[in-house]
């Protein structure tokens, strides 16, 4: 909430759900839904489902390189999960 006091045009959220109880997660997501029209968010998360629920674009970074980037409207979730499993988790 403090980050919003200065009305930044971009908010960086690093694992924003980590350490929150379910009620606090609901409050955070409600706040993000309320202010998302006026702000750009760059969110780092390992919680794919929550990240995809909040995003308009999705990206996977792997070893400093973009392994995947696409608009949510065009997103094939199965392909996204497959790339995530192979690149990030090292599964084949």
PDB file of N, CA and C in Angstrom:
ATOM      1  N   UNK A   1       0.825  -1.194   0.000  1.00  0.00           N
ATOM      2  CA  UNK A   1       0.000   0.000   0.000  1.00  0.00           C
ATOM      3  C   UNK A   1       0.869   1.257   0.000  1.00  0.00           C
ATOM      4  N   UNK A   2       1.992   1.218   0.720  1.00  0.00           N
ATOM      5  CA  UNK A   2       2.876   2.385   0.744  1.00  0.00           C
ATOM      6  C   UNK A   2       3.395   2.735  -0.638  1.00  0.00           C
ATOM      7  N   UNK A   3       3.621   1.714  -1.451  1.00  0.00           N
ATOM      8  CA  UNK A   3       4.145   1.943  -2.802  1.00  0.00           C
ATOM      9  C   UNK A   3       3.182   2.760  -3.648  1.00  0.00           C
ATOM     10  N   UNK A   4       1.915   2.742  -3.315  1.00  0.00           N
ATOM     11  CA  UNK A   4       0.912   3.463  -4.102  1.00  0.00           C
ATOM     12  C   UNK A   4       0.777   4.928  -3.713  1.00  0.00           C
ATOM     13  N   UNK A   5       1.333   5.320  -2.581  1.00  0.00           N
ATOM     14  CA  UNK A   5       1.191   6.700  -2.108  1.00  0.00           C
ATOM     15  C   UNK A   5       1.718   7.724  -3.098  1.00  0.00           C
ATOM     16  N   UNK A   6       2.777   7.388  -3.806  1.00  0.00           N
ATOM     17  CA  UNK A   6       3.405   8.331  -4.734  1.00  0.00           C
ATOM     18  C   UNK A   6       2.885   8.175  -6.157  1.00  0.00           C
ATOM     19  N   UNK A   7       1.826   7.357  -6.325  1.00  0.00           N
ATOM     20  CA  UNK A   7       1.158   7.155  -7.604  1.00  0.00           C
ATOM     21  C   UNK A   7       2.132   6.776  -8.728  1.00  0.00           C
ATOM     22  N   UNK A   8       2.892   5.722  -8.546  1.00  0.00           N
ATOM     23  CA  UNK A   8       3.840   5.315  -9.594  1.00  0.00           C
ATOM     24  C   UNK A   8       3.102   4.796 -10.821  1.00  0.00           C
ATOM     25  N   UNK A   9       3.722   4.942 -11.974  1.00  0.00           N
ATOM     26  CA  UNK A   9       3.107   4.412 -13.191  1.00  0.00           C
ATOM     27  C   UNK A   9       3.387   2.916 -13.339  1.00  0.00           C
ATOM     28  N   UNK A  10       4.452   2.430 -12.691  1.00  0.00           N
ATOM     29  CA  UNK A  10       4.798   1.007 -12.742  1.00  0.00           C
ATOM     30  C   UNK A  10       5.016   0.503 -11.316  1.00  0.00           C
ATOM     31  N   UNK A  11       4.428  -0.649 -11.008  1.00  0.00           N
ATOM     32  CA  UNK A  11       4.631  -1.300  -9.715  1.00  0.00           C
ATOM     33  C   UNK A  11       5.354  -2.618  -9.939  1.00  0.00           C
ATOM     34  N   UNK A  12       6.404  -2.857  -9.188  1.00  0.00           N
ATOM     35  CA  UNK A  12       7.131  -4.120  -9.239  1.00  0.00           C
ATOM     36  C   UNK A  12       6.701  -4.954  -8.039  1.00  0.00           C
ATOM     37  N   UNK A  13       6.148  -6.122  -8.301  1.00  0.00           N
ATOM     38  CA  UNK A  13       5.654  -7.004  -7.249  1.00  0.00           C
ATOM     39  C   UNK A  13       6.455  -8.297  -7.283  1.00  0.00           C
ATOM     40  N   UNK A  14       7.268  -8.514  -6.262  1.00  0.00           N
ATOM     41  CA  UNK A  14       8.105  -9.710  -6.190  1.00  0.00           C
ATOM     42  C   UNK A  14       7.465 -10.695  -5.219  1.00  0.00           C
ATOM     43  N   UNK A  15       6.894 -11.765  -5.762  1.00  0.00           N
ATOM     44  CA  UNK A  15       6.215 -12.792  -4.969  1.00  0.00           C
ATOM     45  C   UNK A  15       5.233 -12.155  -3.973  1.00  0.00           C
ATOM     46  N   UNK A  16       4.260 -11.383  -4.463  1.00  0.00           N
ATOM     47  CA  UNK A  16       3.375 -10.642  -3.562  1.00  0.00           C
ATOM     48  C   UNK A  16       2.483 -11.517  -2.686  1.00  0.00           C
ATOM     49  N   UNK A  17       2.277 -12.769  -3.040  1.00  0.00           N
ATOM     50  CA  UNK A  17       1.403 -13.643  -2.253  1.00  0.00           C
ATOM     51  C   UNK A  17       2.150 -14.393  -1.151  1.00  0.00           C
ATOM     52  N   UNK A  18       3.475 -14.385  -1.209  1.00  0.00           N
ATOM     53  CA  UNK A  18       4.278 -15.152  -0.260  1.00  0.00           C
ATOM     54  C   UNK A  18       4.058 -14.654   1.163  1.00  0.00           C
ATOM     55  N   UNK A  19       3.780 -15.582   2.059  1.00  0.00           N
ATOM     56  CA  UNK A  19       3.624 -15.263   3.471  1.00  0.00           C
ATOM     57  C   UNK A  19       2.259 -14.727   3.858  1.00  0.00           C
ATOM     58  N   UNK A  20       1.349 -14.630   2.906  1.00  0.00           N
ATOM     59  CA  UNK A  20       0.019 -14.101   3.213  1.00  0.00           C
ATOM     60  C   UNK A  20      -0.952 -15.237   3.520  1.00  0.00           C
ATOM     61  N   UNK A  21      -1.825 -14.998   4.488  1.00  0.00           N
ATOM     62  CA  UNK A  21      -2.881 -15.977   4.742  1.00  0.00           C
ATOM     63  C   UNK A  21      -3.963 -15.805   3.675  1.00  0.00           C
ATOM     64  N   UNK A  22      -4.873 -16.751   3.544  1.00  0.00           N
ATOM     65  CA  UNK A  22      -5.882 -16.680   2.475  1.00  0.00           C
ATOM     66  C   UNK A  22      -6.701 -15.387   2.475  1.00  0.00           C
ATOM     67  N   UNK A  23      -7.026 -14.870   3.643  1.00  0.00           N
ATOM     68  CA  UNK A  23      -7.793 -13.618   3.707  1.00  0.00           C
ATOM     69  C   UNK A  23      -6.968 -12.451   3.160  1.00  0.00           C
ATOM     70  N   UNK A  24      -5.693 -12.397   3.522  1.00  0.00           N
ATOM     71  CA  UNK A  24      -4.821 -11.328   3.028  1.00  0.00           C
ATOM     72  C   UNK A  24      -4.619 -11.440   1.519  1.00  0.00           C
ATOM     73  N   UNK A  25      -4.554 -12.658   0.984  1.00  0.00           N
ATOM     74  CA  UNK A  25      -4.449 -12.856  -0.465  1.00  0.00           C
ATOM     75  C   UNK A  25      -5.678 -12.282  -1.152  1.00  0.00           C
ATOM     76  N   UNK A  26      -6.858 -12.543  -0.590  1.00  0.00           N
ATOM     77  CA  UNK A  26      -8.093 -11.995  -1.161  1.00  0.00           C
ATOM     78  C   UNK A  26      -8.077 -10.471  -1.164  1.00  0.00           C
ATOM     79  N   UNK A  27      -7.606  -9.872  -0.074  1.00  0.00           N
ATOM     80  CA  UNK A  27      -7.525  -8.407   0.022  1.00  0.00           C
ATOM     81  C   UNK A  27      -6.547  -7.869  -1.016  1.00  0.00           C
ATOM     82  N   UNK A  28      -5.367  -8.498  -1.131  1.00  0.00           N
ATOM     83  CA  UNK A  28      -4.367  -8.064  -2.109  1.00  0.00           C
ATOM     84  C   UNK A  28      -4.928  -8.137  -3.524  1.00  0.00           C
ATOM     85  N   UNK A  29      -5.550  -9.240  -3.871  1.00  0.00           N
ATOM     86  CA  UNK A  29      -6.060  -9.394  -5.230  1.00  0.00           C
ATOM     87  C   UNK A  29      -7.203  -8.425  -5.517  1.00  0.00           C
ATOM     88  N   UNK A  30      -8.011  -8.131  -4.517  1.00  0.00           N
ATOM     89  CA  UNK A  30      -9.071  -7.134  -4.683  1.00  0.00           C
ATOM     90  C   UNK A  30      -8.465  -5.755  -4.934  1.00  0.00           C
ATOM     91  N   UNK A  31      -7.422  -5.418  -4.182  1.00  0.00           N
ATOM     92  CA  UNK A  31      -6.734  -4.136  -4.371  1.00  0.00           C
ATOM     93  C   UNK A  31      -6.125  -4.059  -5.768  1.00  0.00           C
ATOM     94  N   UNK A  32      -5.456  -5.108  -6.193  1.00  0.00           N
ATOM     95  CA  UNK A  32      -4.844  -5.111  -7.522  1.00  0.00           C
ATOM     96  C   UNK A  32      -5.894  -4.990  -8.618  1.00  0.00           C
ATOM     97  N   UNK A  33      -7.024  -5.666  -8.450  1.00  0.00           N
ATOM     98  CA  UNK A  33      -8.110  -5.541  -9.432  1.00  0.00           C
ATOM     99  C   UNK A  33      -8.630  -4.114  -9.507  1.00  0.00           C
ATOM    100  N   UNK A  34      -8.690  -3.446  -8.359  1.00  0.00           N
ATOM    101  CA  UNK A  34      -9.207  -2.081  -8.300  1.00  0.00           C
ATOM    102  C   UNK A  34      -8.283  -1.091  -8.995  1.00  0.00           C
ATOM    103  N   UNK A  35      -6.980  -1.245  -8.818  1.00  0.00           N
ATOM    104  CA  UNK A  35      -6.046  -0.230  -9.323  1.00  0.00           C
ATOM    105  C   UNK A  35      -5.357  -0.616 -10.627  1.00  0.00           C
ATOM    106  N   UNK A  36      -5.626  -1.796 -11.151  1.00  0.00           N
ATOM    107  CA  UNK A  36      -4.892  -2.265 -12.334  1.00  0.00           C
ATOM    108  C   UNK A  36      -5.149  -1.438 -13.583  1.00  0.00           C
ATOM    109  N   UNK A  37      -6.265  -0.753 -13.665  1.00  0.00           N
ATOM    110  CA  UNK A  37      -6.563   0.061 -14.845  1.00  0.00           C
ATOM    111  C   UNK A  37      -5.637   1.269 -14.962  1.00  0.00           C
ATOM    112  N   UNK A  38      -5.114   1.738 -13.831  1.00  0.00           N
ATOM    113  CA  UNK A  38      -4.288   2.945 -13.817  1.00  0.00           C
ATOM    114  C   UNK A  38      -2.806   2.674 -13.613  1.00  0.00           C
ATOM    115  N   UNK A  39      -2.419   1.426 -13.469  1.00  0.00           N
ATOM    116  CA  UNK A  39      -1.027   1.092 -13.179  1.00  0.00           C
ATOM    117  C   UNK A  39      -0.561  -0.073 -14.044  1.00  0.00           C
ATOM    118  N   UNK A  40       0.724  -0.098 -14.292  1.00  0.00           N
ATOM    119  CA  UNK A  40       1.362  -1.246 -14.921  1.00  0.00           C
ATOM    120  C   UNK A  40       2.010  -2.054 -13.810  1.00  0.00           C
ATOM    121  N   UNK A  41       1.802  -3.366 -13.822  1.00  0.00           N
ATOM    122  CA  UNK A  41       2.396  -4.251 -12.833  1.00  0.00           C
ATOM    123  C   UNK A  41       3.407  -5.150 -13.514  1.00  0.00           C
ATOM    124  N   UNK A  42       4.543  -5.303 -12.888  1.00  0.00           N
ATOM    125  CA  UNK A  42       5.495  -6.337 -13.273  1.00  0.00           C
ATOM    126  C   UNK A  42       5.583  -7.232 -12.051  1.00  0.00           C
ATOM    127  N   UNK A  43       5.061  -8.445 -12.197  1.00  0.00           N
ATOM    128  CA  UNK A  43       4.966  -9.342 -11.056  1.00  0.00           C
ATOM    129  C   UNK A  43       5.814 -10.580 -11.289  1.00  0.00           C
ATOM    130  N   UNK A  44       6.619 -10.894 -10.295  1.00  0.00           N
ATOM    131  CA  UNK A  44       7.415 -12.110 -10.303  1.00  0.00           C
ATOM    132  C   UNK A  44       6.715 -13.082  -9.368  1.00  0.00           C
ATOM    133  N   UNK A  45       6.395 -14.263  -9.880  1.00  0.00           N
ATOM    134  CA  UNK A  45       5.709 -15.244  -9.048  1.00  0.00           C
ATOM    135  C   UNK A  45       5.988 -16.653  -9.539  1.00  0.00           C
ATOM    136  N   UNK A  46       5.970 -17.577  -8.601  1.00  0.00           N
ATOM    137  CA  UNK A  46       6.043 -18.990  -8.944  1.00  0.00           C
ATOM    138  C   UNK A  46       4.654 -19.617  -8.894  1.00  0.00           C
ATOM    139  N   UNK A  47       3.662 -18.841  -8.493  1.00  0.00           N
ATOM    140  CA  UNK A  47       2.281 -19.310  -8.455  1.00  0.00           C
ATOM    141  C   UNK A  47       1.647 -18.996  -9.810  1.00  0.00           C
ATOM    142  N   UNK A  48       1.755 -19.927 -10.729  1.00  0.00           N
ATOM    143  CA  UNK A  48       1.334 -19.693 -12.111  1.00  0.00           C
ATOM    144  C   UNK A  48      -0.136 -19.317 -12.203  1.00  0.00           C
ATOM    145  N   UNK A  49      -0.995 -20.038 -11.505  1.00  0.00           N
ATOM    146  CA  UNK A  49      -2.434 -19.776 -11.625  1.00  0.00           C
ATOM    147  C   UNK A  49      -2.799 -18.377 -11.143  1.00  0.00           C
ATOM    148  N   UNK A  50      -2.252 -17.954 -10.011  1.00  0.00           N
ATOM    149  CA  UNK A  50      -2.540 -16.598  -9.515  1.00  0.00           C
ATOM    150  C   UNK A  50      -1.955 -15.550 -10.454  1.00  0.00           C
ATOM    151  N   UNK A  51      -0.759 -15.799 -10.956  1.00  0.00           N
ATOM    152  CA  UNK A  51      -0.148 -14.859 -11.888  1.00  0.00           C
ATOM    153  C   UNK A  51      -0.959 -14.706 -13.157  1.00  0.00           C
ATOM    154  N   UNK A  52      -1.394 -15.825 -13.715  1.00  0.00           N
ATOM    155  CA  UNK A  52      -2.190 -15.769 -14.942  1.00  0.00           C
ATOM    156  C   UNK A  52      -3.548 -15.119 -14.707  1.00  0.00           C
ATOM    157  N   UNK A  53      -4.095 -15.270 -13.511  1.00  0.00           N
ATOM    158  CA  UNK A  53      -5.390 -14.653 -13.209  1.00  0.00           C
ATOM    159  C   UNK A  53      -5.291 -13.131 -13.194  1.00  0.00           C
ATOM    160  N   UNK A  54      -4.124 -12.599 -12.847  1.00  0.00           N
ATOM    161  CA  UNK A  54      -3.959 -11.150 -12.708  1.00  0.00           C
ATOM    162  C   UNK A  54      -3.346 -10.471 -13.928  1.00  0.00           C
ATOM    163  N   UNK A  55      -2.742 -11.233 -14.818  1.00  0.00           N
ATOM    164  CA  UNK A  55      -1.933 -10.612 -15.876  1.00  0.00           C
ATOM    165  C   UNK A  55      -2.728 -10.269 -17.130  1.00  0.00           C
ATOM    166  N   UNK A  56      -2.133  -9.391 -17.928  1.00  0.00           N
ATOM    167  CA  UNK A  56      -2.626  -9.148 -19.288  1.00  0.00           C
ATOM    168  C   UNK A  56      -1.622  -9.707 -20.298  1.00  0.00           C
ATOM    169  N   UNK A  57      -0.374  -9.889 -19.844  1.00  0.00           N
ATOM    170  CA  UNK A  57       0.683 -10.513 -20.643  1.00  0.00           C
ATOM    171  C   UNK A  57       1.446 -11.450 -19.714  1.00  0.00           C
ATOM    172  N   UNK A  58       1.986 -12.528 -20.272  1.00  0.00           N
ATOM    173  CA  UNK A  58       2.734 -13.490 -19.467  1.00  0.00           C
ATOM    174  C   UNK A  58       4.107 -13.715 -20.085  1.00  0.00           C
ATOM    175  N   UNK A  59       5.112 -13.847 -19.207  1.00  0.00           N
ATOM    176  CA  UNK A  59       6.474 -14.063 -19.674  1.00  0.00           C
ATOM    177  C   UNK A  59       7.153 -15.068 -18.747  1.00  0.00           C
ATOM    178  N   UNK A  60       7.979 -15.909 -19.335  1.00  0.00           N
ATOM    179  CA  UNK A  60       8.847 -16.798 -18.573  1.00  0.00           C
ATOM    180  C   UNK A  60      10.275 -16.397 -18.894  1.00  0.00           C
ATOM    181  N   UNK A  61      11.037 -16.072 -17.846  1.00  0.00           N
ATOM    182  CA  UNK A  61      12.467 -15.798 -17.997  1.00  0.00           C
ATOM    183  C   UNK A  61      13.229 -17.044 -17.572  1.00  0.00           C
ATOM    184  N   UNK A  62      14.240 -17.390 -18.342  1.00  0.00           N
ATOM    185  CA  UNK A  62      15.075 -18.534 -18.011  1.00  0.00           C
ATOM    186  C   UNK A  62      16.519 -18.173 -18.309  1.00  0.00           C
ATOM    187  N   UNK A  63      17.364 -18.210 -17.296  1.00  0.00           N
ATOM    188  CA  UNK A  63      18.778 -17.848 -17.433  1.00  0.00           C
ATOM    189  C   UNK A  63      18.952 -16.488 -18.093  1.00  0.00           C
ATOM    190  N   UNK A  64      18.132 -15.532 -17.694  1.00  0.00           N
ATOM    191  CA  UNK A  64      18.244 -14.174 -18.214  1.00  0.00           C
ATOM    192  C   UNK A  64      17.687 -13.966 -19.607  1.00  0.00           C
ATOM    193  N   UNK A  65      17.080 -14.981 -20.172  1.00  0.00           N
ATOM    194  CA  UNK A  65      16.517 -14.897 -21.518  1.00  0.00           C
ATOM    195  C   UNK A  65      14.999 -15.077 -21.463  1.00  0.00           C
ATOM    196  N   UNK A  66      14.302 -14.442 -22.390  1.00  0.00           N
ATOM    197  CA  UNK A  66      12.861 -14.620 -22.481  1.00  0.00           C
ATOM    198  C   UNK A  66      12.593 -15.950 -23.176  1.00  0.00           C
ATOM    199  N   UNK A  67      12.008 -16.882 -22.433  1.00  0.00           N
ATOM    200  CA  UNK A  67      11.676 -18.196 -22.990  1.00  0.00           C
ATOM    201  C   UNK A  67      10.254 -18.218 -23.537  1.00  0.00           C
ATOM    202  N   UNK A  68       9.425 -17.289 -23.074  1.00  0.00           N
ATOM    203  CA  UNK A  68       8.027 -17.229 -23.509  1.00  0.00           C
ATOM    204  C   UNK A  68       7.495 -15.840 -23.207  1.00  0.00           C
ATOM    205  N   UNK A  69       6.726 -15.269 -24.143  1.00  0.00           N
ATOM    206  CA  UNK A  69       6.073 -13.981 -23.925  1.00  0.00           C
ATOM    207  C   UNK A  69       4.850 -13.917 -24.826  1.00  0.00           C
ATOM    208  N   UNK A  70       3.686 -13.638 -24.242  1.00  0.00           N
ATOM    209  CA  UNK A  70       2.472 -13.607 -25.042  1.00  0.00           C
ATOM    210  C   UNK A  70       1.367 -12.847 -24.306  1.00  0.00           C
ATOM    211  N   UNK A  71       0.477 -12.234 -25.076  1.00  0.00           N
ATOM    212  CA  UNK A  71      -0.712 -11.617 -24.505  1.00  0.00           C
ATOM    213  C   UNK A  71      -1.582 -12.700 -23.891  1.00  0.00           C
ATOM    214  N   UNK A  72      -2.198 -12.388 -22.762  1.00  0.00           N
ATOM    215  CA  UNK A  72      -3.054 -13.363 -22.101  1.00  0.00           C
ATOM    216  C   UNK A  72      -4.203 -13.805 -23.010  1.00  0.00           C
ATOM    217  N   UNK A  73      -4.751 -12.885 -23.782  1.00  0.00           N
ATOM    218  CA  UNK A  73      -5.877 -13.217 -24.660  1.00  0.00           C
ATOM    219  C   UNK A  73      -5.503 -14.290 -25.679  1.00  0.00           C
ATOM    220  N   UNK A  74      -4.225 -14.361 -26.050  1.00  0.00           N
ATOM    221  CA  UNK A  74      -3.755 -15.337 -27.040  1.00  0.00           C
ATOM    222  C   UNK A  74      -3.062 -16.536 -26.396  1.00  0.00           C
ATOM    223  N   UNK A  75      -3.082 -16.576 -25.089  1.00  0.00           N
ATOM    224  CA  UNK A  75      -2.288 -17.545 -24.350  1.00  0.00           C
ATOM    225  C   UNK A  75      -2.849 -18.962 -24.437  1.00  0.00           C
ATOM    226  N   UNK A  76      -1.990 -19.884 -24.769  1.00  0.00           N
ATOM    227  CA  UNK A  76      -2.298 -21.308 -24.684  1.00  0.00           C
ATOM    228  C   UNK A  76      -1.731 -21.771 -23.341  1.00  0.00           C
ATOM    229  N   UNK A  77      -2.604 -21.945 -22.348  1.00  0.00           N
ATOM    230  CA  UNK A  77      -2.142 -22.268 -20.995  1.00  0.00           C
ATOM    231  C   UNK A  77      -1.372 -23.581 -20.940  1.00  0.00           C
ATOM    232  N   UNK A  78      -1.764 -24.549 -21.749  1.00  0.00           N
ATOM    233  CA  UNK A  78      -1.036 -25.823 -21.759  1.00  0.00           C
ATOM    234  C   UNK A  78       0.399 -25.626 -22.233  1.00  0.00           C
ATOM    235  N   UNK A  79       0.586 -24.813 -23.283  1.00  0.00           N
ATOM    236  CA  UNK A  79       1.932 -24.535 -23.779  1.00  0.00           C
ATOM    237  C   UNK A  79       2.731 -23.764 -22.724  1.00  0.00           C
ATOM    238  N   UNK A  80       2.097 -22.800 -22.072  1.00  0.00           N
ATOM    239  CA  UNK A  80       2.757 -22.027 -21.026  1.00  0.00           C
ATOM    240  C   UNK A  80       3.246 -22.962 -19.916  1.00  0.00           C
ATOM    241  N   UNK A  81       2.375 -23.847 -19.443  1.00  0.00           N
ATOM    242  CA  UNK A  81       2.753 -24.787 -18.385  1.00  0.00           C
ATOM    243  C   UNK A  81       3.867 -25.725 -18.842  1.00  0.00           C
ATOM    244  N   UNK A  82       3.808 -26.168 -20.081  1.00  0.00           N
ATOM    245  CA  UNK A  82       4.840 -27.068 -20.604  1.00  0.00           C
ATOM    246  C   UNK A  82       6.200 -26.373 -20.659  1.00  0.00           C
ATOM    247  N   UNK A  83       6.236 -25.153 -21.151  1.00  0.00           N
ATOM    248  CA  UNK A  83       7.499 -24.402 -21.204  1.00  0.00           C
ATOM    249  C   UNK A  83       8.016 -24.155 -19.797  1.00  0.00           C
ATOM    250  N   UNK A  84       7.126 -23.805 -18.882  1.00  0.00           N
ATOM    251  CA  UNK A  84       7.524 -23.589 -17.487  1.00  0.00           C
ATOM    252  C   UNK A  84       8.123 -24.870 -16.905  1.00  0.00           C
ATOM    253  N   UNK A  85       7.469 -25.998 -17.103  1.00  0.00           N
ATOM    254  CA  UNK A  85       7.974 -27.272 -16.566  1.00  0.00           C
ATOM    255  C   UNK A  85       9.351 -27.609 -17.133  1.00  0.00           C
ATOM    256  N   UNK A  86       9.523 -27.425 -18.424  1.00  0.00           N
ATOM    257  CA  UNK A  86      10.798 -27.783 -19.057  1.00  0.00           C
ATOM    258  C   UNK A  86      11.923 -26.835 -18.685  1.00  0.00           C
ATOM    259  N   UNK A  87      11.651 -25.551 -18.758  1.00  0.00           N
ATOM    260  CA  UNK A  87      12.713 -24.564 -18.537  1.00  0.00           C
ATOM    261  C   UNK A  87      12.991 -24.348 -17.055  1.00  0.00           C
ATOM    262  N   UNK A  88      11.964 -24.010 -16.306  1.00  0.00           N
ATOM    263  CA  UNK A  88      12.160 -23.596 -14.919  1.00  0.00           C
ATOM    264  C   UNK A  88      12.355 -24.789 -13.991  1.00  0.00           C
ATOM    265  N   UNK A  89      11.552 -25.800 -14.152  1.00  0.00           N
ATOM    266  CA  UNK A  89      11.634 -26.951 -13.253  1.00  0.00           C
ATOM    267  C   UNK A  89      12.581 -28.027 -13.752  1.00  0.00           C
ATOM    268  N   UNK A  90      13.046 -27.917 -14.995  1.00  0.00           N
ATOM    269  CA  UNK A  90      14.000 -28.877 -15.530  1.00  0.00           C
ATOM    270  C   UNK A  90      13.415 -30.240 -15.827  1.00  0.00           C
ATOM    271  N   UNK A  91      12.088 -30.293 -15.991  1.00  0.00           N
ATOM    272  CA  UNK A  91      11.445 -31.564 -16.319  1.00  0.00           C
ATOM    273  C   UNK A  91      11.454 -31.766 -17.825  1.00  0.00           C
ATOM    274  N   UNK A  92      11.539 -32.999 -18.246  1.00  0.00           N
ATOM    275  CA  UNK A  92      11.496 -33.311 -19.679  1.00  0.00           C
ATOM    276  C   UNK A  92      10.366 -34.246 -19.988  1.00  0.00           C
TER     277      UNK A  92
END
